[in-house]
Amino acid sequence: MHKIRKGDDVIVLAGRDKGKRGTVLRIVDTEHVLVEGANKVKKHQRPNPMKGEAGGIIEKEMPLHISNVNLFNVATKKADRVGIKVLEDGRRVRFFKSNGEVVDV
């Protein structure tokens, strides 16, 4: 079970976008995530008439290392560490380390 999943609300902890809040768009690989609105770069793109893509300079999000993002805790309004525990019925759930509140319901 992964501590950060697609659709989670996260805060960027390091880099030029430190403090920005966004949603995880996708998990790129085991160590990288794509966060909405964070780590934007300008890419010079060549036109591709076969795909119908126009050329020019486009802005796109690049992946961040998973260690540079933390889950956003709604109760404390801060970034929080996440742990995994097993409930009595055998389900594994994520919980916030600061207050013990379960993330997955």
PDB file of N, CA and C in Angstrom:
ATOM      1  N   MET A   1       0.848  -1.186   0.000  1.00  0.00           N
ATOM      2  CA  MET A   1       0.000   0.000   0.000  1.00  0.00           C
ATOM      3  C   MET A   1       0.884   1.237   0.000  1.00  0.00           C
ATOM      4  N   HIS A   2       0.540   2.173  -0.860  1.00  0.00           N
ATOM      5  CA  HIS A   2       1.317   3.403  -0.980  1.00  0.00           C
ATOM      6  C   HIS A   2       0.722   4.486  -0.094  1.00  0.00           C
ATOM      7  N   LYS A   3       1.597   5.360   0.416  1.00  0.00           N
ATOM      8  CA  LYS A   3       1.139   6.405   1.322  1.00  0.00           C
ATOM      9  C   LYS A   3       0.513   7.576   0.578  1.00  0.00           C
ATOM     10  N   ILE A   4       0.889   7.765  -0.688  1.00  0.00           N
ATOM     11  CA  ILE A   4       0.300   8.828  -1.506  1.00  0.00           C
ATOM     12  C   ILE A   4      -0.306   8.188  -2.741  1.00  0.00           C
ATOM     13  N   ARG A   5      -1.558   8.556  -3.033  1.00  0.00           N
ATOM     14  CA  ARG A   5      -2.286   7.967  -4.150  1.00  0.00           C
ATOM     15  C   ARG A   5      -2.809   9.056  -5.076  1.00  0.00           C
ATOM     16  N   LYS A   6      -3.280   8.634  -6.245  1.00  0.00           N
ATOM     17  CA  LYS A   6      -3.880   9.547  -7.210  1.00  0.00           C
ATOM     18  C   LYS A   6      -5.133  10.160  -6.591  1.00  0.00           C
ATOM     19  N   GLY A   7      -5.299  11.470  -6.741  1.00  0.00           N
ATOM     20  CA  GLY A   7      -6.464  12.167  -6.208  1.00  0.00           C
ATOM     21  C   GLY A   7      -6.257  12.745  -4.822  1.00  0.00           C
ATOM     22  N   ASP A   8      -5.139  12.432  -4.170  1.00  0.00           N
ATOM     23  CA  ASP A   8      -4.858  12.975  -2.833  1.00  0.00           C
ATOM     24  C   ASP A   8      -4.518  14.454  -2.915  1.00  0.00           C
ATOM     25  N   ASP A   9      -4.877  15.192  -1.870  1.00  0.00           N
ATOM     26  CA  ASP A   9      -4.539  16.601  -1.742  1.00  0.00           C
ATOM     27  C   ASP A   9      -3.198  16.680  -1.014  1.00  0.00           C
ATOM     28  N   VAL A  10      -2.171  17.248  -1.673  1.00  0.00           N
ATOM     29  CA  VAL A  10      -0.827  17.266  -1.101  1.00  0.00           C
ATOM     30  C   VAL A  10      -0.267  18.680  -1.059  1.00  0.00           C
ATOM     31  N   ILE A  11       0.787  18.849  -0.245  1.00  0.00           N
ATOM     32  CA  ILE A  11       1.539  20.104  -0.156  1.00  0.00           C
ATOM     33  C   ILE A  11       2.983  19.806  -0.538  1.00  0.00           C
ATOM     34  N   VAL A  12       3.578  20.687  -1.358  1.00  0.00           N
ATOM     35  CA  VAL A  12       4.970  20.524  -1.766  1.00  0.00           C
ATOM     36  C   VAL A  12       5.861  21.016  -0.633  1.00  0.00           C
ATOM     37  N   LEU A  13       6.834  20.192  -0.235  1.00  0.00           N
ATOM     38  CA  LEU A  13       7.700  20.504   0.904  1.00  0.00           C
ATOM     39  C   LEU A  13       9.024  21.154   0.521  1.00  0.00           C
ATOM     40  N   ALA A  14       9.511  20.901  -0.692  1.00  0.00           N
ATOM     41  CA  ALA A  14      10.830  21.400  -1.078  1.00  0.00           C
ATOM     42  C   ALA A  14      10.815  21.837  -2.532  1.00  0.00           C
ATOM     43  N   GLY A  15      11.783  22.680  -2.878  1.00  0.00           N
ATOM     44  CA  GLY A  15      11.910  23.154  -4.257  1.00  0.00           C
ATOM     45  C   GLY A  15      11.333  24.541  -4.428  1.00  0.00           C
ATOM     46  N   ARG A  16      11.276  24.997  -5.666  1.00  0.00           N
ATOM     47  CA  ARG A  16      10.816  26.367  -5.924  1.00  0.00           C
ATOM     48  C   ARG A  16       9.318  26.539  -5.690  1.00  0.00           C
ATOM     49  N   ASP A  17       8.571  25.435  -5.662  1.00  0.00           N
ATOM     50  CA  ASP A  17       7.129  25.491  -5.414  1.00  0.00           C
ATOM     51  C   ASP A  17       6.773  25.113  -3.976  1.00  0.00           C
ATOM     52  N   LYS A  18       7.718  25.272  -3.059  1.00  0.00           N
ATOM     53  CA  LYS A  18       7.499  24.927  -1.653  1.00  0.00           C
ATOM     54  C   LYS A  18       6.279  25.668  -1.107  1.00  0.00           C
ATOM     55  N   GLY A  19       5.382  24.915  -0.445  1.00  0.00           N
ATOM     56  CA  GLY A  19       4.191  25.499   0.142  1.00  0.00           C
ATOM     57  C   GLY A  19       2.970  25.431  -0.748  1.00  0.00           C
ATOM     58  N   LYS A  20       3.132  25.118  -2.027  1.00  0.00           N
ATOM     59  CA  LYS A  20       1.984  25.038  -2.932  1.00  0.00           C
ATOM     60  C   LYS A  20       1.171  23.792  -2.626  1.00  0.00           C
ATOM     61  N   ARG A  21      -0.131  23.931  -2.816  1.00  0.00           N
ATOM     62  CA  ARG A  21      -1.053  22.827  -2.558  1.00  0.00           C
ATOM     63  C   ARG A  21      -1.703  22.414  -3.867  1.00  0.00           C
ATOM     64  N   GLY A  22      -1.815  21.103  -4.082  1.00  0.00           N
ATOM     65  CA  GLY A  22      -2.419  20.621  -5.315  1.00  0.00           C
ATOM     66  C   GLY A  22      -2.865  19.177  -5.178  1.00  0.00           C
ATOM     67  N   THR A  23      -3.468  18.679  -6.244  1.00  0.00           N
ATOM     68  CA  THR A  23      -3.970  17.318  -6.271  1.00  0.00           C
ATOM     69  C   THR A  23      -3.014  16.448  -7.077  1.00  0.00           C
ATOM     70  N   VAL A  24      -2.825  15.216  -6.636  1.00  0.00           N
ATOM     71  CA  VAL A  24      -1.975  14.283  -7.370  1.00  0.00           C
ATOM     72  C   VAL A  24      -2.734  13.843  -8.618  1.00  0.00           C
ATOM     73  N   LEU A  25      -2.175  14.160  -9.791  1.00  0.00           N
ATOM     74  CA  LEU A  25      -2.810  13.797 -11.054  1.00  0.00           C
ATOM     75  C   LEU A  25      -2.528  12.345 -11.415  1.00  0.00           C
ATOM     76  N   ARG A  26      -1.269  11.923 -11.207  1.00  0.00           N
ATOM     77  CA  ARG A  26      -0.930  10.520 -11.445  1.00  0.00           C
ATOM     78  C   ARG A  26       0.381  10.175 -10.770  1.00  0.00           C
ATOM     79  N   ILE A  27       0.576   8.877 -10.543  1.00  0.00           N
ATOM     80  CA  ILE A  27       1.822   8.352 -10.002  1.00  0.00           C
ATOM     81  C   ILE A  27       2.657   7.938 -11.210  1.00  0.00           C
ATOM     82  N   VAL A  28       3.788   8.605 -11.429  1.00  0.00           N
ATOM     83  CA  VAL A  28       4.605   8.342 -12.607  1.00  0.00           C
ATOM     84  C   VAL A  28       5.320   7.000 -12.476  1.00  0.00           C
ATOM     85  N   ASP A  29       6.047   6.817 -11.379  1.00  0.00           N
ATOM     86  CA  ASP A  29       6.651   5.530 -11.047  1.00  0.00           C
ATOM     87  C   ASP A  29       6.661   5.415  -9.531  1.00  0.00           C
ATOM     88  N   THR A  30       7.441   4.498  -8.992  1.00  0.00           N
ATOM     89  CA  THR A  30       7.393   4.275  -7.539  1.00  0.00           C
ATOM     90  C   THR A  30       7.881   5.473  -6.739  1.00  0.00           C
ATOM     91  N   GLU A  31       8.681   6.352  -7.363  1.00  0.00           N
ATOM     92  CA  GLU A  31       9.266   7.461  -6.607  1.00  0.00           C
ATOM     93  C   GLU A  31       8.858   8.847  -7.090  1.00  0.00           C
ATOM     94  N   HIS A  32       8.014   8.959  -8.106  1.00  0.00           N
ATOM     95  CA  HIS A  32       7.656  10.276  -8.646  1.00  0.00           C
ATOM     96  C   HIS A  32       6.152  10.428  -8.801  1.00  0.00           C
ATOM     97  N   VAL A  33       5.669  11.646  -8.503  1.00  0.00           N
ATOM     98  CA  VAL A  33       4.244  11.964  -8.648  1.00  0.00           C
ATOM     99  C   VAL A  33       4.090  13.241  -9.459  1.00  0.00           C
ATOM    100  N   LEU A  34       2.947  13.372 -10.120  1.00  0.00           N
ATOM    101  CA  LEU A  34       2.624  14.563 -10.893  1.00  0.00           C
ATOM    102  C   LEU A  34       1.568  15.332 -10.113  1.00  0.00           C
ATOM    103  N   VAL A  35       1.913  16.553  -9.665  1.00  0.00           N
ATOM    104  CA  VAL A  35       1.010  17.359  -8.845  1.00  0.00           C
ATOM    105  C   VAL A  35       0.472  18.509  -9.678  1.00  0.00           C
ATOM    106  N   GLU A  36      -0.842  18.720  -9.594  1.00  0.00           N
ATOM    107  CA  GLU A  36      -1.506  19.769 -10.360  1.00  0.00           C
ATOM    108  C   GLU A  36      -1.021  21.150  -9.911  1.00  0.00           C
ATOM    109  N   GLY A  37      -0.510  21.940 -10.855  1.00  0.00           N
ATOM    110  CA  GLY A  37      -0.085  23.307 -10.571  1.00  0.00           C
ATOM    111  C   GLY A  37       1.286  23.452  -9.951  1.00  0.00           C
ATOM    112  N   ALA A  38       2.015  22.368  -9.752  1.00  0.00           N
ATOM    113  CA  ALA A  38       3.340  22.444  -9.132  1.00  0.00           C
ATOM    114  C   ALA A  38       4.403  21.981 -10.126  1.00  0.00           C
ATOM    115  N   ASN A  39       5.598  22.547 -10.013  1.00  0.00           N
ATOM    116  CA  ASN A  39       6.750  22.199 -10.848  1.00  0.00           C
ATOM    117  C   ASN A  39       6.443  22.399 -12.331  1.00  0.00           C
ATOM    118  N   LYS A  40       5.871  23.566 -12.667  1.00  0.00           N
ATOM    119  CA  LYS A  40       5.560  23.878 -14.067  1.00  0.00           C
ATOM    120  C   LYS A  40       6.822  24.315 -14.788  1.00  0.00           C
ATOM    121  N   VAL A  41       6.984  23.808 -16.014  1.00  0.00           N
ATOM    122  CA  VAL A  41       8.116  24.184 -16.849  1.00  0.00           C
ATOM    123  C   VAL A  41       7.600  24.600 -18.227  1.00  0.00           C
ATOM    124  N   LYS A  42       8.425  25.365 -18.949  1.00  0.00           N
ATOM    125  CA  LYS A  42       8.094  25.743 -20.321  1.00  0.00           C
ATOM    126  C   LYS A  42       8.844  24.802 -21.247  1.00  0.00           C
ATOM    127  N   LYS A  43       8.094  24.202 -22.174  1.00  0.00           N
ATOM    128  CA  LYS A  43       8.682  23.233 -23.098  1.00  0.00           C
ATOM    129  C   LYS A  43       8.504  23.751 -24.524  1.00  0.00           C
ATOM    130  N   HIS A  44       9.595  23.746 -25.284  1.00  0.00           N
ATOM    131  CA  HIS A  44       9.542  24.138 -26.691  1.00  0.00           C
ATOM    132  C   HIS A  44       9.123  22.914 -27.485  1.00  0.00           C
ATOM    133  N   GLN A  45       7.919  22.971 -28.049  1.00  0.00           N
ATOM    134  CA  GLN A  45       7.355  21.805 -28.719  1.00  0.00           C
ATOM    135  C   GLN A  45       7.284  22.030 -30.221  1.00  0.00           C
ATOM    136  N   ARG A  46       7.752  21.042 -30.973  1.00  0.00           N
ATOM    137  CA  ARG A  46       7.707  21.080 -32.437  1.00  0.00           C
ATOM    138  C   ARG A  46       6.297  20.697 -32.888  1.00  0.00           C
ATOM    139  N   PRO A  47       5.766  21.341 -33.920  1.00  0.00           N
ATOM    140  CA  PRO A  47       4.420  20.972 -34.387  1.00  0.00           C
ATOM    141  C   PRO A  47       4.398  19.564 -34.988  1.00  0.00           C
ATOM    142  N   ASN A  48       3.289  18.869 -34.770  1.00  0.00           N
ATOM    143  CA  ASN A  48       3.109  17.525 -35.304  1.00  0.00           C
ATOM    144  C   ASN A  48       1.763  17.479 -36.024  1.00  0.00           C
ATOM    145  N   PRO A  49       1.755  17.694 -37.347  1.00  0.00           N
ATOM    146  CA  PRO A  49       0.484  17.732 -38.071  1.00  0.00           C
ATOM    147  C   PRO A  49      -0.258  16.394 -38.085  1.00  0.00           C
ATOM    148  N   MET A  50       0.465  15.296 -37.928  1.00  0.00           N
ATOM    149  CA  MET A  50      -0.179  13.971 -37.914  1.00  0.00           C
ATOM    150  C   MET A  50      -1.088  13.820 -36.692  1.00  0.00           C
ATOM    151  N   LYS A  51      -0.659  14.366 -35.556  1.00  0.00           N
ATOM    152  CA  LYS A  51      -1.456  14.291 -34.319  1.00  0.00           C
ATOM    153  C   LYS A  51      -2.319  15.536 -34.137  1.00  0.00           C
ATOM    154  N   GLY A  52      -2.133  16.535 -34.974  1.00  0.00           N
ATOM    155  CA  GLY A  52      -2.897  17.773 -34.848  1.00  0.00           C
ATOM    156  C   GLY A  52      -2.397  18.674 -33.749  1.00  0.00           C
ATOM    157  N   GLU A  53      -1.102  18.566 -33.397  1.00  0.00           N
ATOM    158  CA  GLU A  53      -0.524  19.387 -32.329  1.00  0.00           C
ATOM    159  C   GLU A  53       0.139  20.615 -32.931  1.00  0.00           C
ATOM    160  N   ALA A  54      -0.124  21.762 -32.337  1.00  0.00           N
ATOM    161  CA  ALA A  54       0.516  23.006 -32.766  1.00  0.00           C
ATOM    162  C   ALA A  54       1.866  23.139 -32.068  1.00  0.00           C
ATOM    163  N   GLY A  55       2.772  23.826 -32.734  1.00  0.00           N
ATOM    164  CA  GLY A  55       4.081  24.049 -32.140  1.00  0.00           C
ATOM    165  C   GLY A  55       4.066  25.283 -31.262  1.00  0.00           C
ATOM    166  N   GLY A  56       5.184  25.524 -30.584  1.00  0.00           N
ATOM    167  CA  GLY A  56       5.312  26.710 -29.746  1.00  0.00           C
ATOM    168  C   GLY A  56       5.810  26.355 -28.360  1.00  0.00           C
ATOM    169  N   ILE A  57       5.701  27.310 -27.474  1.00  0.00           N
ATOM    170  CA  ILE A  57       6.142  27.112 -26.094  1.00  0.00           C
ATOM    171  C   ILE A  57       4.916  26.786 -25.256  1.00  0.00           C
ATOM    172  N   ILE A  58       4.910  25.607 -24.634  1.00  0.00           N
ATOM    173  CA  ILE A  58       3.784  25.188 -23.795  1.00  0.00           C
ATOM    174  C   ILE A  58       4.253  25.060 -22.354  1.00  0.00           C
ATOM    175  N   GLU A  59       3.321  25.233 -21.417  1.00  0.00           N
ATOM    176  CA  GLU A  59       3.620  25.027 -19.997  1.00  0.00           C
ATOM    177  C   GLU A  59       3.030  23.709 -19.575  1.00  0.00           C
ATOM    178  N   LYS A  60       3.825  22.902 -18.875  1.00  0.00           N
ATOM    179  CA  LYS A  60       3.329  21.618 -18.400  1.00  0.00           C
ATOM    180  C   LYS A  60       3.941  21.295 -17.050  1.00  0.00           C
ATOM    181  N   GLU A  61       3.267  20.418 -16.307  1.00  0.00           N
ATOM    182  CA  GLU A  61       3.777  19.990 -15.014  1.00  0.00           C
ATOM    183  C   GLU A  61       4.756  18.849 -15.200  1.00  0.00           C
ATOM    184  N   MET A  62       5.829  18.880 -14.425  1.00  0.00           N
ATOM    185  CA  MET A  62       6.805  17.796 -14.438  1.00  0.00           C
ATOM    186  C   MET A  62       6.716  17.055 -13.107  1.00  0.00           C
ATOM    187  N   PRO A  63       7.151  15.799 -13.086  1.00  0.00           N
ATOM    188  CA  PRO A  63       7.046  14.998 -11.854  1.00  0.00           C
ATOM    189  C   PRO A  63       7.922  15.535 -10.728  1.00  0.00           C
ATOM    190  N   LEU A  64       7.445  15.330  -9.493  1.00  0.00           N
ATOM    191  CA  LEU A  64       8.192  15.648  -8.278  1.00  0.00           C
ATOM    192  C   LEU A  64       8.544  14.345  -7.581  1.00  0.00           C
ATOM    193  N   HIS A  65       9.650  14.357  -6.848  1.00  0.00           N
ATOM    194  CA  HIS A  65       9.992  13.172  -6.066  1.00  0.00           C
ATOM    195  C   HIS A  65       8.983  13.043  -4.930  1.00  0.00           C
ATOM    196  N   ILE A  66       8.600  11.810  -4.626  1.00  0.00           N
ATOM    197  CA  ILE A  66       7.542  11.563  -3.639  1.00  0.00           C
ATOM    198  C   ILE A  66       7.941  12.023  -2.239  1.00  0.00           C
ATOM    199  N   SER A  67       9.256  12.136  -1.978  1.00  0.00           N
ATOM    200  CA  SER A  67       9.709  12.585  -0.661  1.00  0.00           C
ATOM    201  C   SER A  67       9.509  14.088  -0.477  1.00  0.00           C
ATOM    202  N   ASN A  68       9.253  14.808  -1.569  1.00  0.00           N
ATOM    203  CA  ASN A  68       9.074  16.261  -1.501  1.00  0.00           C
ATOM    204  C   ASN A  68       7.624  16.690  -1.383  1.00  0.00           C
ATOM    205  N   VAL A  69       6.713  15.736  -1.196  1.00  0.00           N
ATOM    206  CA  VAL A  69       5.302  16.065  -0.989  1.00  0.00           C
ATOM    207  C   VAL A  69       4.780  15.314   0.241  1.00  0.00           C
ATOM    208  N   ASN A  70       3.835  15.938   0.925  1.00  0.00           N
ATOM    209  CA  ASN A  70       3.162  15.327   2.076  1.00  0.00           C
ATOM    210  C   ASN A  70       1.665  15.524   1.923  1.00  0.00           C
ATOM    211  N   LEU A  71       0.905  14.619   2.509  1.00  0.00           N
ATOM    212  CA  LEU A  71      -0.547  14.707   2.466  1.00  0.00           C
ATOM    213  C   LEU A  71      -1.027  15.912   3.270  1.00  0.00           C
ATOM    214  N   PHE A  72      -2.085  16.588   2.792  1.00  0.00           N
ATOM    215  CA  PHE A  72      -2.658  17.742   3.475  1.00  0.00           C
ATOM    216  C   PHE A  72      -3.698  17.253   4.477  1.00  0.00           C
ATOM    217  N   ASN A  73      -3.523  17.639   5.747  1.00  0.00           N
ATOM    218  CA  ASN A  73      -4.456  17.269   6.808  1.00  0.00           C
ATOM    219  C   ASN A  73      -5.479  18.388   6.958  1.00  0.00           C
ATOM    220  N   VAL A  74      -6.758  18.080   6.730  1.00  0.00           N
ATOM    221  CA  VAL A  74      -7.820  19.079   6.782  1.00  0.00           C
ATOM    222  C   VAL A  74      -8.026  19.579   8.214  1.00  0.00           C
ATOM    223  N   ALA A  75      -7.849  18.705   9.199  1.00  0.00           N
ATOM    224  CA  ALA A  75      -8.079  19.079  10.593  1.00  0.00           C
ATOM    225  C   ALA A  75      -7.066  20.108  11.080  1.00  0.00           C
ATOM    226  N   THR A  76      -5.786  19.910  10.749  1.00  0.00           N
ATOM    227  CA  THR A  76      -4.742  20.813  11.226  1.00  0.00           C
ATOM    228  C   THR A  76      -4.377  21.891  10.211  1.00  0.00           C
ATOM    229  N   LYS A  77      -4.871  21.774   8.961  1.00  0.00           N
ATOM    230  CA  LYS A  77      -4.576  22.703   7.874  1.00  0.00           C
ATOM    231  C   LYS A  77      -3.085  22.776   7.561  1.00  0.00           C
ATOM    232  N   LYS A  78      -2.381  21.647   7.738  1.00  0.00           N
ATOM    233  CA  LYS A  78      -0.942  21.572   7.483  1.00  0.00           C
ATOM    234  C   LYS A  78      -0.614  20.267   6.775  1.00  0.00           C
ATOM    235  N   ALA A  79       0.631  20.185   6.292  1.00  0.00           N
ATOM    236  CA  ALA A  79       1.123  18.922   5.734  1.00  0.00           C
ATOM    237  C   ALA A  79       1.365  17.956   6.890  1.00  0.00           C
ATOM    238  N   ASP A  80       1.085  16.691   6.662  1.00  0.00           N
ATOM    239  CA  ASP A  80       1.197  15.712   7.735  1.00  0.00           C
ATOM    240  C   ASP A  80       1.775  14.408   7.213  1.00  0.00           C
ATOM    241  N   ARG A  81       2.527  13.741   8.081  1.00  0.00           N
ATOM    242  CA  ARG A  81       3.064  12.426   7.730  1.00  0.00           C
ATOM    243  C   ARG A  81       1.950  11.390   7.802  1.00  0.00           C
ATOM    244  N   VAL A  82       2.132  10.309   7.049  1.00  0.00           N
ATOM    245  CA  VAL A  82       1.100   9.278   6.953  1.00  0.00           C
ATOM    246  C   VAL A  82       1.685   7.943   7.358  1.00  0.00           C
ATOM    247  N   GLY A  83       0.896   7.174   8.109  1.00  0.00           N
ATOM    248  CA  GLY A  83       1.268   5.815   8.480  1.00  0.00           C
ATOM    249  C   GLY A  83       0.212   4.846   7.996  1.00  0.00           C
ATOM    250  N   ILE A  84       0.509   3.557   8.104  1.00  0.00           N
ATOM    251  CA  ILE A  84      -0.433   2.521   7.692  1.00  0.00           C
ATOM    252  C   ILE A  84      -0.673   1.596   8.875  1.00  0.00           C
ATOM    253  N   LYS A  85      -1.950   1.340   9.162  1.00  0.00           N
ATOM    254  CA  LYS A  85      -2.272   0.410  10.245  1.00  0.00           C
ATOM    255  C   LYS A  85      -3.367  -0.543   9.782  1.00  0.00           C
ATOM    256  N   VAL A  86      -3.461  -1.670  10.472  1.00  0.00           N
ATOM    257  CA  VAL A  86      -4.447  -2.696  10.140  1.00  0.00           C
ATOM    258  C   VAL A  86      -5.583  -2.600  11.140  1.00  0.00           C
ATOM    259  N   LEU A  87      -6.809  -2.506  10.638  1.00  0.00           N
ATOM    260  CA  LEU A  87      -7.986  -2.447  11.503  1.00  0.00           C
ATOM    261  C   LEU A  87      -8.366  -3.844  11.981  1.00  0.00           C
ATOM    262  N   GLU A  88      -9.350  -3.912  12.893  1.00  0.00           N
ATOM    263  CA  GLU A  88      -9.780  -5.190  13.463  1.00  0.00           C
ATOM    264  C   GLU A  88     -10.321  -6.140  12.397  1.00  0.00           C
ATOM    265  N   ASP A  89     -10.982  -5.579  11.365  1.00  0.00           N
ATOM    266  CA  ASP A  89     -11.562  -6.428  10.318  1.00  0.00           C
ATOM    267  C   ASP A  89     -10.537  -6.830   9.254  1.00  0.00           C
ATOM    268  N   GLY A  90      -9.278  -6.454   9.429  1.00  0.00           N
ATOM    269  CA  GLY A  90      -8.221  -6.882   8.515  1.00  0.00           C
ATOM    270  C   GLY A  90      -7.882  -5.892   7.420  1.00  0.00           C
ATOM    271  N   ARG A  91      -8.632  -4.784   7.320  1.00  0.00           N
ATOM    272  CA  ARG A  91      -8.344  -3.786   6.286  1.00  0.00           C
ATOM    273  C   ARG A  91      -7.120  -2.961   6.669  1.00  0.00           C
ATOM    274  N   ARG A  92      -6.304  -2.609   5.660  1.00  0.00           N
ATOM    275  CA  ARG A  92      -5.173  -1.718   5.877  1.00  0.00           C
ATOM    276  C   ARG A  92      -5.597  -0.318   5.479  1.00  0.00           C
ATOM    277  N   VAL A  93      -5.422   0.643   6.379  1.00  0.00           N
ATOM    278  CA  VAL A  93      -5.823   2.020   6.115  1.00  0.00           C
ATOM    279  C   VAL A  93      -4.668   2.979   6.410  1.00  0.00           C
ATOM    280  N   ARG A  94      -4.712   4.145   5.755  1.00  0.00           N
ATOM    281  CA  ARG A  94      -3.736   5.200   6.023  1.00  0.00           C
ATOM    282  C   ARG A  94      -4.274   6.089   7.132  1.00  0.00           C
ATOM    283  N   PHE A  95      -3.360   6.591   7.974  1.00  0.00           N
ATOM    284  CA  PHE A  95      -3.767   7.508   9.045  1.00  0.00           C
ATOM    285  C   PHE A  95      -2.724   8.597   9.203  1.00  0.00           C
ATOM    286  N   PHE A  96      -3.184   9.765   9.706  1.00  0.00           N
ATOM    287  CA  PHE A  96      -2.264  10.874   9.962  1.00  0.00           C
ATOM    288  C   PHE A  96      -1.514  10.627  11.260  1.00  0.00           C
ATOM    289  N   LYS A  97      -0.196  10.842  11.233  1.00  0.00           N
ATOM    290  CA  LYS A  97       0.646  10.589  12.405  1.00  0.00           C
ATOM    291  C   LYS A  97       0.371  11.585  13.539  1.00  0.00           C
ATOM    292  N   SER A  98      -0.035  12.830  13.209  1.00  0.00           N
ATOM    293  CA  SER A  98      -0.183  13.855  14.240  1.00  0.00           C
ATOM    294  C   SER A  98      -1.400  13.612  15.130  1.00  0.00           C
ATOM    295  N   ASN A  99      -2.547  13.271  14.526  1.00  0.00           N
ATOM    296  CA  ASN A  99      -3.749  13.108  15.351  1.00  0.00           C
ATOM    297  C   ASN A  99      -4.369  11.727  15.257  1.00  0.00           C
ATOM    298  N   GLY A 100      -3.795  10.828  14.466  1.00  0.00           N
ATOM    299  CA  GLY A 100      -4.311   9.466  14.385  1.00  0.00           C
ATOM    300  C   GLY A 100      -5.576   9.308  13.567  1.00  0.00           C
ATOM    301  N   GLU A 101      -6.026  10.373  12.921  1.00  0.00           N
ATOM    302  CA  GLU A 101      -7.258  10.329  12.132  1.00  0.00           C
ATOM    303  C   GLU A 101      -7.044   9.494  10.873  1.00  0.00           C
ATOM    304  N   VAL A 102      -8.019   8.647  10.542  1.00  0.00           N
ATOM    305  CA  VAL A 102      -7.908   7.758   9.396  1.00  0.00           C
ATOM    306  C   VAL A 102      -8.197   8.542   8.115  1.00  0.00           C
ATOM    307  N   VAL A 103      -7.333   8.372   7.099  1.00  0.00           N
ATOM    308  CA  VAL A 103      -7.504   9.058   5.824  1.00  0.00           C
ATOM    309  C   VAL A 103      -8.506   8.329   4.972  1.00  0.00           C
ATOM    310  N   ASP A 104      -8.376   7.006   4.845  1.00  0.00           N
ATOM    311  CA  ASP A 104      -9.271   6.188   4.034  1.00  0.00           C
ATOM    312  C   ASP A 104     -10.473   5.756   4.863  1.00  0.00           C
ATOM    313  N   VAL A 105     -11.639   5.859   4.272  1.00  0.00           N
ATOM    314  CA  VAL A 105     -12.848   5.429   4.992  1.00  0.00           C
ATOM    315  C   VAL A 105     -13.500   4.290   4.257  1.00  0.00           C
TER     316      VAL A 105
END
